[in-house]
Amino acid sequence: MSQADPGAPSTELDPEDRKIVVLARSTRARTGAAEGAAVRDTDGRTYAAATVALSSLRLSALQAAVAAAVSSGAPGLEAAAVVSADGAEPDAESLAAVRELTAKGPVVLADAKGEVRAVLTP
């Protein structure tokens, strides 16, 4: 993956990508989790999730959002967004989950305020 437009303001995002950043941000805020994520499938439906940190199960927010999409029958993904306090890049396993469903869709990384820090593209 390469970074495209690091630090690009969220106003430069496609409106549909901006929506999933807002959804990921609200999910994180509502749950108080370390991360919130949202994905948009190829039919335009969105799925959001927060970090899962149980003693018996650990999923990043991105993995949980991908799992929600897959378990709902999503045929593929168009884009993903991850919101975290520091806007850090998701781990390799989380990005691999997204890439199994889209070879070219962006993964937008944003901080807790929703400010876009980077857009990862294959």
PDB file of N, CA and C in Angstrom:
ATOM      1  N   MET A   1       0.833  -1.172   0.000  1.00  0.00           N
ATOM      2  CA  MET A   1       0.000   0.000   0.000  1.00  0.00           C
ATOM      3  C   MET A   1       0.880   1.238   0.000  1.00  0.00           C
ATOM      4  N   SER A   2       0.408   2.240  -0.631  1.00  0.00           N
ATOM      5  CA  SER A   2       1.137   3.493  -0.622  1.00  0.00           C
ATOM      6  C   SER A   2       0.222   4.566  -0.084  1.00  0.00           C
ATOM      7  N   GLN A   3       0.820   5.607   0.424  1.00  0.00           N
ATOM      8  CA  GLN A   3       0.036   6.713   0.909  1.00  0.00           C
ATOM      9  C   GLN A   3      -0.131   7.715  -0.213  1.00  0.00           C
ATOM     10  N   ALA A   4      -1.350   8.149  -0.394  1.00  0.00           N
ATOM     11  CA  ALA A   4      -1.634   9.210  -1.357  1.00  0.00           C
ATOM     12  C   ALA A   4      -2.266  10.356  -0.589  1.00  0.00           C
ATOM     13  N   ASP A   5      -1.852  11.537  -0.890  1.00  0.00           N
ATOM     14  CA  ASP A   5      -2.402  12.729  -0.254  1.00  0.00           C
ATOM     15  C   ASP A   5      -2.310  12.714   1.265  1.00  0.00           C
ATOM     16  N   PRO A   6      -1.116  12.413   1.858  1.00  0.00           N
ATOM     17  CA  PRO A   6      -1.056  12.460   3.312  1.00  0.00           C
ATOM     18  C   PRO A   6      -1.408  13.845   3.818  1.00  0.00           C
ATOM     19  N   GLY A   7      -2.242  13.868   4.815  1.00  0.00           N
ATOM     20  CA  GLY A   7      -2.624  15.139   5.410  1.00  0.00           C
ATOM     21  C   GLY A   7      -3.633  15.922   4.596  1.00  0.00           C
ATOM     22  N   ALA A   8      -4.187  15.302   3.545  1.00  0.00           N
ATOM     23  CA  ALA A   8      -5.161  16.020   2.725  1.00  0.00           C
ATOM     24  C   ALA A   8      -6.386  16.356   3.562  1.00  0.00           C
ATOM     25  N   PRO A   9      -6.893  17.564   3.444  1.00  0.00           N
ATOM     26  CA  PRO A   9      -8.072  17.925   4.219  1.00  0.00           C
ATOM     27  C   PRO A   9      -9.275  17.105   3.787  1.00  0.00           C
ATOM     28  N   SER A  10     -10.165  16.828   4.744  1.00  0.00           N
ATOM     29  CA  SER A  10     -11.327  15.993   4.463  1.00  0.00           C
ATOM     30  C   SER A  10     -12.225  16.610   3.393  1.00  0.00           C
ATOM     31  N   THR A  11     -12.146  17.936   3.173  1.00  0.00           N
ATOM     32  CA  THR A  11     -12.974  18.569   2.162  1.00  0.00           C
ATOM     33  C   THR A  11     -12.590  18.110   0.756  1.00  0.00           C
ATOM     34  N   GLU A  12     -11.409  17.522   0.581  1.00  0.00           N
ATOM     35  CA  GLU A  12     -10.993  17.042  -0.730  1.00  0.00           C
ATOM     36  C   GLU A  12     -11.441  15.611  -1.000  1.00  0.00           C
ATOM     37  N   LEU A  13     -12.038  14.965  -0.030  1.00  0.00           N
ATOM     38  CA  LEU A  13     -12.531  13.611  -0.224  1.00  0.00           C
ATOM     39  C   LEU A  13     -13.795  13.623  -1.065  1.00  0.00           C
ATOM     40  N   ASP A  14     -14.012  12.525  -1.745  1.00  0.00           N
ATOM     41  CA  ASP A  14     -15.281  12.283  -2.408  1.00  0.00           C
ATOM     42  C   ASP A  14     -16.373  12.367  -1.336  1.00  0.00           C
ATOM     43  N   PRO A  15     -17.524  12.942  -1.631  1.00  0.00           N
ATOM     44  CA  PRO A  15     -18.586  13.053  -0.616  1.00  0.00           C
ATOM     45  C   PRO A  15     -18.970  11.709   0.006  1.00  0.00           C
ATOM     46  N   GLU A  16     -18.964  10.646  -0.765  1.00  0.00           N
ATOM     47  CA  GLU A  16     -19.309   9.331  -0.225  1.00  0.00           C
ATOM     48  C   GLU A  16     -18.232   8.834   0.734  1.00  0.00           C
ATOM     49  N   ASP A  17     -16.971   9.139   0.459  1.00  0.00           N
ATOM     50  CA  ASP A  17     -15.886   8.769   1.372  1.00  0.00           C
ATOM     51  C   ASP A  17     -15.949   9.608   2.638  1.00  0.00           C
ATOM     52  N   ARG A  18     -16.324  10.854   2.507  1.00  0.00           N
ATOM     53  CA  ARG A  18     -16.472  11.728   3.679  1.00  0.00           C
ATOM     54  C   ARG A  18     -17.550  11.164   4.609  1.00  0.00           C
ATOM     55  N   LYS A  19     -18.621  10.610   4.025  1.00  0.00           N
ATOM     56  CA  LYS A  19     -19.702  10.033   4.832  1.00  0.00           C
ATOM     57  C   LYS A  19     -19.211   8.874   5.688  1.00  0.00           C
ATOM     58  N   ILE A  20     -18.348   8.022   5.126  1.00  0.00           N
ATOM     59  CA  ILE A  20     -17.891   6.891   5.943  1.00  0.00           C
ATOM     60  C   ILE A  20     -16.898   7.335   7.019  1.00  0.00           C
ATOM     61  N   VAL A  21     -16.195   8.440   6.790  1.00  0.00           N
ATOM     62  CA  VAL A  21     -15.346   8.996   7.860  1.00  0.00           C
ATOM     63  C   VAL A  21     -16.237   9.466   9.006  1.00  0.00           C
ATOM     64  N   VAL A  22     -17.322  10.157   8.697  1.00  0.00           N
ATOM     65  CA  VAL A  22     -18.256  10.630   9.724  1.00  0.00           C
ATOM     66  C   VAL A  22     -18.869   9.446  10.470  1.00  0.00           C
ATOM     67  N   LEU A  23     -19.239   8.415   9.743  1.00  0.00           N
ATOM     68  CA  LEU A  23     -19.817   7.222  10.363  1.00  0.00           C
ATOM     69  C   LEU A  23     -18.815   6.540  11.286  1.00  0.00           C
ATOM     70  N   ALA A  24     -17.571   6.407  10.848  1.00  0.00           N
ATOM     71  CA  ALA A  24     -16.529   5.792  11.677  1.00  0.00           C
ATOM     72  C   ALA A  24     -16.272   6.635  12.920  1.00  0.00           C
ATOM     73  N   ARG A  25     -16.244   7.935  12.745  1.00  0.00           N
ATOM     74  CA  ARG A  25     -16.002   8.837  13.875  1.00  0.00           C
ATOM     75  C   ARG A  25     -17.122   8.744  14.905  1.00  0.00           C
ATOM     76  N   SER A  26     -18.364   8.721  14.453  1.00  0.00           N
ATOM     77  CA  SER A  26     -19.486   8.655  15.391  1.00  0.00           C
ATOM     78  C   SER A  26     -19.530   7.299  16.096  1.00  0.00           C
ATOM     79  N   THR A  27     -19.154   6.242  15.404  1.00  0.00           N
ATOM     80  CA  THR A  27     -19.114   4.922  16.032  1.00  0.00           C
ATOM     81  C   THR A  27     -18.069   4.896  17.142  1.00  0.00           C
ATOM     82  N   ARG A  28     -16.900   5.435  16.872  1.00  0.00           N
ATOM     83  CA  ARG A  28     -15.833   5.493  17.883  1.00  0.00           C
ATOM     84  C   ARG A  28     -16.281   6.318  19.081  1.00  0.00           C
ATOM     85  N   ALA A  29     -16.875   7.475  18.816  1.00  0.00           N
ATOM     86  CA  ALA A  29     -17.304   8.356  19.899  1.00  0.00           C
ATOM     87  C   ALA A  29     -18.411   7.709  20.738  1.00  0.00           C
ATOM     88  N   ARG A  30     -19.350   7.069  20.091  1.00  0.00           N
ATOM     89  CA  ARG A  30     -20.479   6.454  20.797  1.00  0.00           C
ATOM     90  C   ARG A  30     -20.036   5.327  21.720  1.00  0.00           C
ATOM     91  N   THR A  31     -19.052   4.547  21.283  1.00  0.00           N
ATOM     92  CA  THR A  31     -18.624   3.381  22.058  1.00  0.00           C
ATOM     93  C   THR A  31     -17.452   3.668  22.983  1.00  0.00           C
ATOM     94  N   GLY A  32     -16.736   4.762  22.749  1.00  0.00           N
ATOM     95  CA  GLY A  32     -15.553   5.061  23.536  1.00  0.00           C
ATOM     96  C   GLY A  32     -14.387   4.142  23.214  1.00  0.00           C
ATOM     97  N   ALA A  33     -14.433   3.504  22.059  1.00  0.00           N
ATOM     98  CA  ALA A  33     -13.397   2.544  21.651  1.00  0.00           C
ATOM     99  C   ALA A  33     -12.145   3.264  21.149  1.00  0.00           C
ATOM    100  N   ALA A  34     -11.068   2.498  21.042  1.00  0.00           N
ATOM    101  CA  ALA A  34      -9.806   3.045  20.537  1.00  0.00           C
ATOM    102  C   ALA A  34      -9.930   3.484  19.084  1.00  0.00           C
ATOM    103  N   GLU A  35     -10.703   2.734  18.307  1.00  0.00           N
ATOM    104  CA  GLU A  35     -10.883   3.040  16.883  1.00  0.00           C
ATOM    105  C   GLU A  35     -12.334   2.843  16.486  1.00  0.00           C
ATOM    106  N   GLY A  36     -12.712   3.550  15.452  1.00  0.00           N
ATOM    107  CA  GLY A  36     -13.983   3.321  14.781  1.00  0.00           C
ATOM    108  C   GLY A  36     -13.669   3.157  13.309  1.00  0.00           C
ATOM    109  N   ALA A  37     -14.442   2.336  12.623  1.00  0.00           N
ATOM    110  CA  ALA A  37     -14.219   2.137  11.190  1.00  0.00           C
ATOM    111  C   ALA A  37     -15.562   2.005  10.490  1.00  0.00           C
ATOM    112  N   ALA A  38     -15.545   2.279   9.208  1.00  0.00           N
ATOM    113  CA  ALA A  38     -16.723   2.084   8.373  1.00  0.00           C
ATOM    114  C   ALA A  38     -16.255   1.678   6.985  1.00  0.00           C
ATOM    115  N   VAL A  39     -17.052   0.853   6.352  1.00  0.00           N
ATOM    116  CA  VAL A  39     -16.786   0.443   4.975  1.00  0.00           C
ATOM    117  C   VAL A  39     -18.045   0.653   4.152  1.00  0.00           C
ATOM    118  N   ARG A  40     -17.852   0.856   2.847  1.00  0.00           N
ATOM    119  CA  ARG A  40     -18.972   0.975   1.908  1.00  0.00           C
ATOM    120  C   ARG A  40     -18.838  -0.148   0.903  1.00  0.00           C
ATOM    121  N   ASP A  41     -19.916  -0.898   0.715  1.00  0.00           N
ATOM    122  CA  ASP A  41     -19.831  -2.014  -0.225  1.00  0.00           C
ATOM    123  C   ASP A  41     -20.152  -1.555  -1.646  1.00  0.00           C
ATOM    124  N   THR A  42     -20.040  -2.464  -2.587  1.00  0.00           N
ATOM    125  CA  THR A  42     -20.230  -2.119  -3.995  1.00  0.00           C
ATOM    126  C   THR A  42     -21.684  -1.814  -4.342  1.00  0.00           C
ATOM    127  N   ASP A  43     -22.594  -2.083  -3.410  1.00  0.00           N
ATOM    128  CA  ASP A  43     -23.996  -1.714  -3.594  1.00  0.00           C
ATOM    129  C   ASP A  43     -24.320  -0.388  -2.917  1.00  0.00           C
ATOM    130  N   GLY A  44     -23.315   0.246  -2.280  1.00  0.00           N
ATOM    131  CA  GLY A  44     -23.510   1.532  -1.622  1.00  0.00           C
ATOM    132  C   GLY A  44     -23.933   1.449  -0.168  1.00  0.00           C
ATOM    133  N   ARG A  45     -24.076   0.236   0.363  1.00  0.00           N
ATOM    134  CA  ARG A  45     -24.441   0.083   1.775  1.00  0.00           C
ATOM    135  C   ARG A  45     -23.210   0.303   2.641  1.00  0.00           C
ATOM    136  N   THR A  46     -23.436   0.819   3.856  1.00  0.00           N
ATOM    137  CA  THR A  46     -22.324   1.069   4.769  1.00  0.00           C
ATOM    138  C   THR A  46     -22.454   0.196   6.013  1.00  0.00           C
ATOM    139  N   TYR A  47     -21.298  -0.107   6.577  1.00  0.00           N
ATOM    140  CA  TYR A  47     -21.200  -0.928   7.784  1.00  0.00           C
ATOM    141  C   TYR A  47     -20.175  -0.267   8.686  1.00  0.00           C
ATOM    142  N   ALA A  48     -20.502  -0.143   9.960  1.00  0.00           N
ATOM    143  CA  ALA A  48     -19.591   0.504  10.903  1.00  0.00           C
ATOM    144  C   ALA A  48     -19.341  -0.409  12.084  1.00  0.00           C
ATOM    145  N   ALA A  49     -18.177  -0.251  12.691  1.00  0.00           N
ATOM    146  CA  ALA A  49     -17.832  -1.051  13.866  1.00  0.00           C
ATOM    147  C   ALA A  49     -16.760  -0.325  14.653  1.00  0.00           C
ATOM    148  N   ALA A  50     -16.608  -0.767  15.891  1.00  0.00           N
ATOM    149  CA  ALA A  50     -15.566  -0.241  16.772  1.00  0.00           C
ATOM    150  C   ALA A  50     -14.631  -1.385  17.137  1.00  0.00           C
ATOM    151  N   THR A  51     -13.527  -1.031  17.740  1.00  0.00           N
ATOM    152  CA  THR A  51     -12.573  -2.021  18.221  1.00  0.00           C
ATOM    153  C   THR A  51     -13.284  -2.989  19.162  1.00  0.00           C
ATOM    154  N   VAL A  52     -13.004  -4.284  19.002  1.00  0.00           N
ATOM    155  CA  VAL A  52     -13.533  -5.312  19.896  1.00  0.00           C
ATOM    156  C   VAL A  52     -12.359  -5.796  20.741  1.00  0.00           C
ATOM    157  N   ALA A  53     -12.454  -5.613  22.048  1.00  0.00           N
ATOM    158  CA  ALA A  53     -11.364  -5.987  22.944  1.00  0.00           C
ATOM    159  C   ALA A  53     -11.903  -6.807  24.108  1.00  0.00           C
ATOM    160  N   LEU A  54     -12.331  -8.027  23.784  1.00  0.00           N
ATOM    161  CA  LEU A  54     -12.791  -8.964  24.800  1.00  0.00           C
ATOM    162  C   LEU A  54     -11.651  -9.898  25.160  1.00  0.00           C
ATOM    163  N   SER A  55     -11.746 -10.560  26.291  1.00  0.00           N
ATOM    164  CA  SER A  55     -10.690 -11.505  26.636  1.00  0.00           C
ATOM    165  C   SER A  55     -10.679 -12.678  25.661  1.00  0.00           C
ATOM    166  N   SER A  56     -11.820 -12.994  25.074  1.00  0.00           N
ATOM    167  CA  SER A  56     -11.900 -14.129  24.155  1.00  0.00           C
ATOM    168  C   SER A  56     -11.873 -13.748  22.681  1.00  0.00           C
ATOM    169  N   LEU A  57     -11.925 -12.455  22.363  1.00  0.00           N
ATOM    170  CA  LEU A  57     -11.974 -12.028  20.966  1.00  0.00           C
ATOM    171  C   LEU A  57     -11.381 -10.631  20.831  1.00  0.00           C
ATOM    172  N   ARG A  58     -10.472 -10.484  19.888  1.00  0.00           N
ATOM    173  CA  ARG A  58      -9.876  -9.175  19.605  1.00  0.00           C
ATOM    174  C   ARG A  58      -9.954  -8.919  18.107  1.00  0.00           C
ATOM    175  N   LEU A  59     -10.578  -7.799  17.757  1.00  0.00           N
ATOM    176  CA  LEU A  59     -10.671  -7.372  16.362  1.00  0.00           C
ATOM    177  C   LEU A  59     -10.414  -5.884  16.297  1.00  0.00           C
ATOM    178  N   SER A  60      -9.676  -5.490  15.289  1.00  0.00           N
ATOM    179  CA  SER A  60      -9.564  -4.051  15.055  1.00  0.00           C
ATOM    180  C   SER A  60     -10.925  -3.569  14.556  1.00  0.00           C
ATOM    181  N   ALA A  61     -11.143  -2.277  14.622  1.00  0.00           N
ATOM    182  CA  ALA A  61     -12.401  -1.722  14.125  1.00  0.00           C
ATOM    183  C   ALA A  61     -12.576  -2.034  12.643  1.00  0.00           C
ATOM    184  N   LEU A  62     -11.495  -1.974  11.886  1.00  0.00           N
ATOM    185  CA  LEU A  62     -11.565  -2.253  10.454  1.00  0.00           C
ATOM    186  C   LEU A  62     -11.926  -3.718  10.197  1.00  0.00           C
ATOM    187  N   GLN A  63     -11.319  -4.629  10.935  1.00  0.00           N
ATOM    188  CA  GLN A  63     -11.670  -6.045  10.796  1.00  0.00           C
ATOM    189  C   GLN A  63     -13.140  -6.279  11.136  1.00  0.00           C
ATOM    190  N   ALA A  64     -13.615  -5.626  12.190  1.00  0.00           N
ATOM    191  CA  ALA A  64     -15.013  -5.795  12.599  1.00  0.00           C
ATOM    192  C   ALA A  64     -15.969  -5.230  11.550  1.00  0.00           C
ATOM    193  N   ALA A  65     -15.626  -4.095  10.945  1.00  0.00           N
ATOM    194  CA  ALA A  65     -16.475  -3.516   9.898  1.00  0.00           C
ATOM    195  C   ALA A  65     -16.499  -4.408   8.662  1.00  0.00           C
ATOM    196  N   VAL A  66     -15.352  -4.952   8.287  1.00  0.00           N
ATOM    197  CA  VAL A  66     -15.294  -5.880   7.154  1.00  0.00           C
ATOM    198  C   VAL A  66     -16.114  -7.132   7.471  1.00  0.00           C
ATOM    199  N   ALA A  67     -15.990  -7.646   8.679  1.00  0.00           N
ATOM    200  CA  ALA A  67     -16.761  -8.830   9.078  1.00  0.00           C
ATOM    201  C   ALA A  67     -18.265  -8.553   9.008  1.00  0.00           C
ATOM    202  N   ALA A  68     -18.682  -7.364   9.438  1.00  0.00           N
ATOM    203  CA  ALA A  68     -20.104  -7.003   9.352  1.00  0.00           C
ATOM    204  C   ALA A  68     -20.574  -6.978   7.904  1.00  0.00           C
ATOM    205  N   ALA A  69     -19.756  -6.434   7.025  1.00  0.00           N
ATOM    206  CA  ALA A  69     -20.117  -6.376   5.606  1.00  0.00           C
ATOM    207  C   ALA A  69     -20.209  -7.781   5.009  1.00  0.00           C
ATOM    208  N   VAL A  70     -19.204  -8.593   5.272  1.00  0.00           N
ATOM    209  CA  VAL A  70     -19.186  -9.951   4.724  1.00  0.00           C
ATOM    210  C   VAL A  70     -20.358 -10.769   5.260  1.00  0.00           C
ATOM    211  N   SER A  71     -20.626 -10.657   6.558  1.00  0.00           N
ATOM    212  CA  SER A  71     -21.716 -11.448   7.137  1.00  0.00           C
ATOM    213  C   SER A  71     -23.085 -10.967   6.676  1.00  0.00           C
ATOM    214  N   SER A  72     -23.145  -9.776   6.102  1.00  0.00           N
ATOM    215  CA  SER A  72     -24.397  -9.258   5.540  1.00  0.00           C
ATOM    216  C   SER A  72     -24.516  -9.534   4.050  1.00  0.00           C
ATOM    217  N   GLY A  73     -23.511 -10.208   3.479  1.00  0.00           N
ATOM    218  CA  GLY A  73     -23.568 -10.582   2.071  1.00  0.00           C
ATOM    219  C   GLY A  73     -22.988  -9.567   1.112  1.00  0.00           C
ATOM    220  N   ALA A  74     -22.161  -8.657   1.589  1.00  0.00           N
ATOM    221  CA  ALA A  74     -21.559  -7.658   0.696  1.00  0.00           C
ATOM    222  C   ALA A  74     -20.740  -8.348  -0.387  1.00  0.00           C
ATOM    223  N   PRO A  75     -20.971  -7.986  -1.641  1.00  0.00           N
ATOM    224  CA  PRO A  75     -20.228  -8.607  -2.740  1.00  0.00           C
ATOM    225  C   PRO A  75     -18.791  -8.099  -2.879  1.00  0.00           C
ATOM    226  N   GLY A  76     -18.502  -6.950  -2.319  1.00  0.00           N
ATOM    227  CA  GLY A  76     -17.178  -6.347  -2.398  1.00  0.00           C
ATOM    228  C   GLY A  76     -17.226  -4.991  -1.722  1.00  0.00           C
ATOM    229  N   LEU A  77     -16.079  -4.346  -1.621  1.00  0.00           N
ATOM    230  CA  LEU A  77     -16.008  -3.029  -0.992  1.00  0.00           C
ATOM    231  C   LEU A  77     -15.539  -1.977  -1.981  1.00  0.00           C
ATOM    232  N   GLU A  78     -16.037  -0.754  -1.794  1.00  0.00           N
ATOM    233  CA  GLU A  78     -15.578   0.389  -2.575  1.00  0.00           C
ATOM    234  C   GLU A  78     -14.552   1.203  -1.811  1.00  0.00           C
ATOM    235  N   ALA A  79     -14.741   1.330  -0.489  1.00  0.00           N
ATOM    236  CA  ALA A  79     -13.861   2.185   0.315  1.00  0.00           C
ATOM    237  C   ALA A  79     -13.995   1.832   1.782  1.00  0.00           C
ATOM    238  N   ALA A  80     -13.003   2.273   2.553  1.00  0.00           N
ATOM    239  CA  ALA A  80     -13.013   2.067   3.999  1.00  0.00           C
ATOM    240  C   ALA A  80     -12.462   3.321   4.667  1.00  0.00           C
ATOM    241  N   ALA A  81     -12.831   3.506   5.929  1.00  0.00           N
ATOM    242  CA  ALA A  81     -12.301   4.618   6.724  1.00  0.00           C
ATOM    243  C   ALA A  81     -12.045   4.128   8.137  1.00  0.00           C
ATOM    244  N   VAL A  82     -10.962   4.618   8.721  1.00  0.00           N
ATOM    245  CA  VAL A  82     -10.606   4.292  10.097  1.00  0.00           C
ATOM    246  C   VAL A  82     -10.353   5.596  10.833  1.00  0.00           C
ATOM    247  N   VAL A  83     -10.976   5.742  11.997  1.00  0.00           N
ATOM    248  CA  VAL A  83     -10.773   6.914  12.838  1.00  0.00           C
ATOM    249  C   VAL A  83     -10.159   6.451  14.152  1.00  0.00           C
ATOM    250  N   SER A  84      -9.029   7.045  14.496  1.00  0.00           N
ATOM    251  CA  SER A  84      -8.370   6.750  15.766  1.00  0.00           C
ATOM    252  C   SER A  84      -7.821   8.039  16.351  1.00  0.00           C
ATOM    253  N   ALA A  85      -7.471   7.999  17.616  1.00  0.00           N
ATOM    254  CA  ALA A  85      -6.982   9.207  18.287  1.00  0.00           C
ATOM    255  C   ALA A  85      -5.768   9.799  17.578  1.00  0.00           C
ATOM    256  N   ASP A  86      -4.892   8.932  17.078  1.00  0.00           N
ATOM    257  CA  ASP A  86      -3.669   9.439  16.453  1.00  0.00           C
ATOM    258  C   ASP A  86      -3.661   9.322  14.932  1.00  0.00           C
ATOM    259  N   GLY A  87      -4.719   8.784  14.340  1.00  0.00           N
ATOM    260  CA  GLY A  87      -4.773   8.648  12.887  1.00  0.00           C
ATOM    261  C   GLY A  87      -3.760   7.655  12.347  1.00  0.00           C
ATOM    262  N   ALA A  88      -3.297   6.742  13.194  1.00  0.00           N
ATOM    263  CA  ALA A  88      -2.265   5.776  12.803  1.00  0.00           C
ATOM    264  C   ALA A  88      -2.779   4.801  11.745  1.00  0.00           C
ATOM    265  N   GLU A  89      -1.847   4.260  10.986  1.00  0.00           N
ATOM    266  CA  GLU A  89      -2.176   3.286   9.948  1.00  0.00           C
ATOM    267  C   GLU A  89      -2.621   1.966  10.579  1.00  0.00           C
ATOM    268  N   PRO A  90      -3.665   1.344  10.037  1.00  0.00           N
ATOM    269  CA  PRO A  90      -4.110   0.042  10.549  1.00  0.00           C
ATOM    270  C   PRO A  90      -3.027  -1.021  10.367  1.00  0.00           C
ATOM    271  N   ASP A  91      -3.125  -2.090  11.152  1.00  0.00           N
ATOM    272  CA  ASP A  91      -2.143  -3.170  11.035  1.00  0.00           C
ATOM    273  C   ASP A  91      -2.330  -3.932   9.729  1.00  0.00           C
ATOM    274  N   ALA A  92      -1.357  -4.738   9.387  1.00  0.00           N
ATOM    275  CA  ALA A  92      -1.346  -5.465   8.110  1.00  0.00           C
ATOM    276  C   ALA A  92      -2.550  -6.390   7.967  1.00  0.00           C
ATOM    277  N   GLU A  93      -2.957  -7.039   9.050  1.00  0.00           N
ATOM    278  CA  GLU A  93      -4.097  -7.969   8.979  1.00  0.00           C
ATOM    279  C   GLU A  93      -5.397  -7.233   8.661  1.00  0.00           C
ATOM    280  N   SER A  94      -5.558  -6.050   9.233  1.00  0.00           N
ATOM    281  CA  SER A  94      -6.765  -5.260   8.975  1.00  0.00           C
ATOM    282  C   SER A  94      -6.812  -4.792   7.524  1.00  0.00           C
ATOM    283  N   LEU A  95      -5.681  -4.332   7.018  1.00  0.00           N
ATOM    284  CA  LEU A  95      -5.622  -3.904   5.620  1.00  0.00           C
ATOM    285  C   LEU A  95      -5.817  -5.087   4.680  1.00  0.00           C
ATOM    286  N   ALA A  96      -5.292  -6.242   5.033  1.00  0.00           N
ATOM    287  CA  ALA A  96      -5.467  -7.439   4.201  1.00  0.00           C
ATOM    288  C   ALA A  96      -6.945  -7.816   4.101  1.00  0.00           C
ATOM    289  N   ALA A  97      -7.687  -7.647   5.190  1.00  0.00           N
ATOM    290  CA  ALA A  97      -9.124  -7.955   5.164  1.00  0.00           C
ATOM    291  C   ALA A  97      -9.844  -7.070   4.152  1.00  0.00           C
ATOM    292  N   VAL A  98      -9.485  -5.791   4.124  1.00  0.00           N
ATOM    293  CA  VAL A  98     -10.086  -4.873   3.142  1.00  0.00           C
ATOM    294  C   VAL A  98      -9.687  -5.286   1.736  1.00  0.00           C
ATOM    295  N   ARG A  99      -8.421  -5.590   1.527  1.00  0.00           N
ATOM    296  CA  ARG A  99      -7.914  -5.901   0.189  1.00  0.00           C
ATOM    297  C   ARG A  99      -8.459  -7.217  -0.369  1.00  0.00           C
ATOM    298  N   GLU A 100      -8.963  -8.079   0.483  1.00  0.00           N
ATOM    299  CA  GLU A 100      -9.616  -9.289  -0.034  1.00  0.00           C
ATOM    300  C   GLU A 100     -10.907  -8.946  -0.764  1.00  0.00           C
ATOM    301  N   LEU A 101     -11.489  -7.792  -0.430  1.00  0.00           N
ATOM    302  CA  LEU A 101     -12.767  -7.401  -1.029  1.00  0.00           C
ATOM    303  C   LEU A 101     -12.682  -6.243  -2.003  1.00  0.00           C
ATOM    304  N   THR A 102     -11.526  -5.578  -2.063  1.00  0.00           N
ATOM    305  CA  THR A 102     -11.311  -4.519  -3.054  1.00  0.00           C
ATOM    306  C   THR A 102      -9.824  -4.402  -3.344  1.00  0.00           C
ATOM    307  N   ALA A 103      -9.502  -4.389  -4.606  1.00  0.00           N
ATOM    308  CA  ALA A 103      -8.096  -4.252  -4.993  1.00  0.00           C
ATOM    309  C   ALA A 103      -7.699  -2.792  -5.167  1.00  0.00           C
ATOM    310  N   LYS A 104      -8.679  -1.907  -5.316  1.00  0.00           N
ATOM    311  CA  LYS A 104      -8.323  -0.522  -5.631  1.00  0.00           C
ATOM    312  C   LYS A 104      -8.987   0.537  -4.751  1.00  0.00           C
ATOM    313  N   GLY A 105      -9.881   0.148  -3.874  1.00  0.00           N
ATOM    314  CA  GLY A 105     -10.573   1.135  -3.050  1.00  0.00           C
ATOM    315  C   GLY A 105      -9.671   1.788  -2.021  1.00  0.00           C
ATOM    316  N   PRO A 106      -9.912   3.068  -1.726  1.00  0.00           N
ATOM    317  CA  PRO A 106      -9.086   3.775  -0.746  1.00  0.00           C
ATOM    318  C   PRO A 106      -9.419   3.361   0.687  1.00  0.00           C
ATOM    319  N   VAL A 107      -8.428   3.502   1.556  1.00  0.00           N
ATOM    320  CA  VAL A 107      -8.623   3.368   2.994  1.00  0.00           C
ATOM    321  C   VAL A 107      -8.246   4.728   3.573  1.00  0.00           C
ATOM    322  N   VAL A 108      -9.234   5.442   4.059  1.00  0.00           N
ATOM    323  CA  VAL A 108      -9.043   6.786   4.582  1.00  0.00           C
ATOM    324  C   VAL A 108      -8.705   6.696   6.071  1.00  0.00           C
ATOM    325  N   LEU A 109      -7.632   7.364   6.475  1.00  0.00           N
ATOM    326  CA  LEU A 109      -7.223   7.396   7.878  1.00  0.00           C
ATOM    327  C   LEU A 109      -7.475   8.791   8.428  1.00  0.00           C
ATOM    328  N   ALA A 110      -8.185   8.854   9.547  1.00  0.00           N
ATOM    329  CA  ALA A 110      -8.514  10.146  10.140  1.00  0.00           C
ATOM    330  C   ALA A 110      -8.294  10.113  11.643  1.00  0.00           C
ATOM    331  N   ASP A 111      -8.121  11.305  12.211  1.00  0.00           N
ATOM    332  CA  ASP A 111      -7.966  11.394  13.659  1.00  0.00           C
ATOM    333  C   ASP A 111      -9.339  11.514  14.312  1.00  0.00           C
ATOM    334  N   ALA A 112      -9.344  11.647  15.634  1.00  0.00           N
ATOM    335  CA  ALA A 112     -10.599  11.666  16.390  1.00  0.00           C
ATOM    336  C   ALA A 112     -11.514  12.840  16.016  1.00  0.00           C
ATOM    337  N   LYS A 113     -10.949  13.901  15.470  1.00  0.00           N
ATOM    338  CA  LYS A 113     -11.750  15.045  15.027  1.00  0.00           C
ATOM    339  C   LYS A 113     -12.318  14.839  13.623  1.00  0.00           C
ATOM    340  N   GLY A 114     -11.911  13.754  12.972  1.00  0.00           N
ATOM    341  CA  GLY A 114     -12.351  13.497  11.617  1.00  0.00           C
ATOM    342  C   GLY A 114     -11.440  14.105  10.564  1.00  0.00           C
ATOM    343  N   GLU A 115     -10.322  14.678  11.004  1.00  0.00           N
ATOM    344  CA  GLU A 115      -9.377  15.266  10.061  1.00  0.00           C
ATOM    345  C   GLU A 115      -8.594  14.155   9.362  1.00  0.00           C
ATOM    346  N   VAL A 116      -8.615  14.168   8.052  1.00  0.00           N
ATOM    347  CA  VAL A 116      -7.958  13.136   7.272  1.00  0.00           C
ATOM    348  C   VAL A 116      -6.440  13.300   7.379  1.00  0.00           C
ATOM    349  N   ARG A 117      -5.770  12.216   7.734  1.00  0.00           N
ATOM    350  CA  ARG A 117      -4.310  12.213   7.867  1.00  0.00           C
ATOM    351  C   ARG A 117      -3.649  11.600   6.638  1.00  0.00           C
ATOM    352  N   ALA A 118      -4.308  10.609   6.034  1.00  0.00           N
ATOM    353  CA  ALA A 118      -3.757   9.945   4.856  1.00  0.00           C
ATOM    354  C   ALA A 118      -4.852   9.161   4.161  1.00  0.00           C
ATOM    355  N   VAL A 119      -4.624   8.879   2.906  1.00  0.00           N
ATOM    356  CA  VAL A 119      -5.491   7.987   2.129  1.00  0.00           C
ATOM    357  C   VAL A 119      -4.586   6.924   1.554  1.00  0.00           C
ATOM    358  N   LEU A 120      -4.815   5.686   1.980  1.00  0.00           N
ATOM    359  CA  LEU A 120      -3.999   4.574   1.505  1.00  0.00           C
ATOM    360  C   LEU A 120      -4.621   3.997   0.240  1.00  0.00           C
ATOM    361  N   THR A 121      -3.787   3.808  -0.767  1.00  0.00           N
ATOM    362  CA  THR A 121      -4.231   3.185  -2.006  1.00  0.00           C
ATOM    363  C   THR A 121      -3.276   2.050  -2.321  1.00  0.00           C
ATOM    364  N   PRO A 122      -3.755   1.041  -3.055  1.00  0.00           N
ATOM    365  CA  PRO A 122      -2.873  -0.092  -3.370  1.00  0.00           C
ATOM    366  C   PRO A 122      -1.690   0.332  -4.231  1.00  0.00           C
TER     367      PRO A 122
END
